[in-house]
Protein backbone atom coordinates (compact mmCIF):
# COMPACT_ATOMS: atom_id res chain seq x y z
CA UNK A 1 0.00 0.00 0.00
CA UNK A 2 1.23 3.46 -0.80
CA UNK A 3 -0.58 5.25 2.03
CA UNK A 4 -0.27 2.78 4.89
CA UNK A 5 2.49 2.73 7.46
CA UNK A 6 3.47 -0.56 8.98
CA UNK A 7 3.47 -0.73 12.73
CA UNK A 8 6.79 -1.21 14.47
CA UNK A 9 7.94 -4.80 14.37
CA UNK A 10 9.42 -5.82 17.67
CA UNK A 11 8.35 -8.37 20.23
CA UNK A 12 7.37 -5.88 22.92
CA UNK A 13 5.05 -3.74 20.79
CA UNK A 14 1.97 -5.12 22.57
CA UNK A 15 3.30 -4.04 25.96
CA UNK A 16 4.15 -0.58 24.65
CA UNK A 17 0.71 -0.18 23.10
CA UNK A 18 -0.93 -1.15 26.39
CA UNK A 19 1.09 1.50 28.24
CA UNK A 20 0.27 4.18 25.67
CA UNK A 21 -3.42 3.32 25.70
CA UNK A 22 -3.62 3.32 29.51
CA UNK A 23 -2.01 6.71 30.00
CA UNK A 24 -3.50 8.30 26.88
CA UNK A 25 -6.99 7.60 28.22
CA UNK A 26 -6.06 8.86 31.67
CA UNK A 27 -4.65 12.06 30.16
CA UNK A 28 -7.56 12.86 27.88
CA UNK A 29 -10.24 12.08 30.46
CA UNK A 30 -8.65 14.19 33.15
CA UNK A 31 -7.86 11.24 35.40
CA UNK A 32 -4.31 12.60 35.49
CA UNK A 33 -2.66 15.74 34.09
CA UNK A 34 -1.70 15.30 30.43
CA UNK A 35 1.95 16.21 31.06
CA UNK A 36 2.15 13.49 33.72
CA UNK A 37 0.50 11.00 31.38
CA UNK A 38 3.07 11.71 28.67
CA UNK A 39 5.93 11.39 31.15
CA UNK A 40 4.52 8.06 32.35
CA UNK A 41 4.28 6.78 28.76
CA UNK A 42 7.91 7.71 28.13
CA UNK A 43 9.19 6.24 31.40
CA UNK A 44 7.31 2.95 31.14
CA UNK A 45 8.13 2.54 27.46
CA UNK A 46 11.81 3.13 28.16
CA UNK A 47 11.69 0.56 30.97
CA UNK A 48 10.12 -2.04 28.69
CA UNK A 49 12.68 -1.43 25.96
CA UNK A 50 15.64 -1.43 28.36
CA UNK A 51 14.53 -4.73 29.89
CA UNK A 52 14.27 -6.14 26.36
CA UNK A 53 17.84 -5.09 25.60
CA UNK A 54 17.23 -2.12 23.31
C-alpha atoms as a PDB file:
ATOM      1  CA  UNK A   1       0.000   0.000   0.000  1.00  0.00           C
ATOM      2  CA  UNK A   2       1.230   3.461  -0.800  1.00  0.00           C
ATOM      3  CA  UNK A   3      -0.577   5.246   2.032  1.00  0.00           C
ATOM      4  CA  UNK A   4      -0.267   2.778   4.893  1.00  0.00           C
ATOM      5  CA  UNK A   5       2.494   2.733   7.460  1.00  0.00           C
ATOM      6  CA  UNK A   6       3.471  -0.556   8.984  1.00  0.00           C
ATOM      7  CA  UNK A   7       3.465  -0.732  12.735  1.00  0.00           C
ATOM      8  CA  UNK A   8       6.786  -1.212  14.470  1.00  0.00           C
ATOM      9  CA  UNK A   9       7.937  -4.800  14.373  1.00  0.00           C
ATOM     10  CA  UNK A  10       9.424  -5.820  17.673  1.00  0.00           C
ATOM     11  CA  UNK A  11       8.347  -8.368  20.230  1.00  0.00           C
ATOM     12  CA  UNK A  12       7.366  -5.876  22.923  1.00  0.00           C
ATOM     13  CA  UNK A  13       5.051  -3.737  20.791  1.00  0.00           C
ATOM     14  CA  UNK A  14       1.969  -5.116  22.570  1.00  0.00           C
ATOM     15  CA  UNK A  15       3.299  -4.043  25.962  1.00  0.00           C
ATOM     16  CA  UNK A  16       4.155  -0.585  24.653  1.00  0.00           C
ATOM     17  CA  UNK A  17       0.712  -0.179  23.098  1.00  0.00           C
ATOM     18  CA  UNK A  18      -0.929  -1.149  26.395  1.00  0.00           C
ATOM     19  CA  UNK A  19       1.087   1.501  28.240  1.00  0.00           C
ATOM     20  CA  UNK A  20       0.273   4.182  25.670  1.00  0.00           C
ATOM     21  CA  UNK A  21      -3.422   3.318  25.697  1.00  0.00           C
ATOM     22  CA  UNK A  22      -3.623   3.316  29.505  1.00  0.00           C
ATOM     23  CA  UNK A  23      -2.005   6.715  30.000  1.00  0.00           C
ATOM     24  CA  UNK A  24      -3.496   8.297  26.877  1.00  0.00           C
ATOM     25  CA  UNK A  25      -6.986   7.597  28.221  1.00  0.00           C
ATOM     26  CA  UNK A  26      -6.055   8.863  31.667  1.00  0.00           C
ATOM     27  CA  UNK A  27      -4.650  12.056  30.162  1.00  0.00           C
ATOM     28  CA  UNK A  28      -7.559  12.864  27.878  1.00  0.00           C
ATOM     29  CA  UNK A  29     -10.240  12.075  30.458  1.00  0.00           C
ATOM     30  CA  UNK A  30      -8.650  14.192  33.155  1.00  0.00           C
ATOM     31  CA  UNK A  31      -7.860  11.236  35.402  1.00  0.00           C
ATOM     32  CA  UNK A  32      -4.313  12.604  35.485  1.00  0.00           C
ATOM     33  CA  UNK A  33      -2.664  15.737  34.094  1.00  0.00           C
ATOM     34  CA  UNK A  34      -1.699  15.303  30.435  1.00  0.00           C
ATOM     35  CA  UNK A  35       1.952  16.207  31.058  1.00  0.00           C
ATOM     36  CA  UNK A  36       2.153  13.494  33.723  1.00  0.00           C
ATOM     37  CA  UNK A  37       0.503  11.000  31.382  1.00  0.00           C
ATOM     38  CA  UNK A  38       3.071  11.714  28.666  1.00  0.00           C
ATOM     39  CA  UNK A  39       5.932  11.390  31.150  1.00  0.00           C
ATOM     40  CA  UNK A  40       4.521   8.056  32.353  1.00  0.00           C
ATOM     41  CA  UNK A  41       4.284   6.784  28.763  1.00  0.00           C
ATOM     42  CA  UNK A  42       7.913   7.709  28.131  1.00  0.00           C
ATOM     43  CA  UNK A  43       9.188   6.245  31.399  1.00  0.00           C
ATOM     44  CA  UNK A  44       7.314   2.946  31.144  1.00  0.00           C
ATOM     45  CA  UNK A  45       8.126   2.539  27.457  1.00  0.00           C
ATOM     46  CA  UNK A  46      11.807   3.130  28.159  1.00  0.00           C
ATOM     47  CA  UNK A  47      11.695   0.560  30.973  1.00  0.00           C
ATOM     48  CA  UNK A  48      10.117  -2.040  28.689  1.00  0.00           C
ATOM     49  CA  UNK A  49      12.682  -1.429  25.959  1.00  0.00           C
ATOM     50  CA  UNK A  50      15.644  -1.432  28.359  1.00  0.00           C
ATOM     51  CA  UNK A  51      14.527  -4.730  29.889  1.00  0.00           C
ATOM     52  CA  UNK A  52      14.265  -6.140  26.360  1.00  0.00           C
ATOM     53  CA  UNK A  53      17.836  -5.090  25.598  1.00  0.00           C
ATOM     54  CA  UNK A  54      17.227  -2.122  23.311  1.00  0.00           C
END
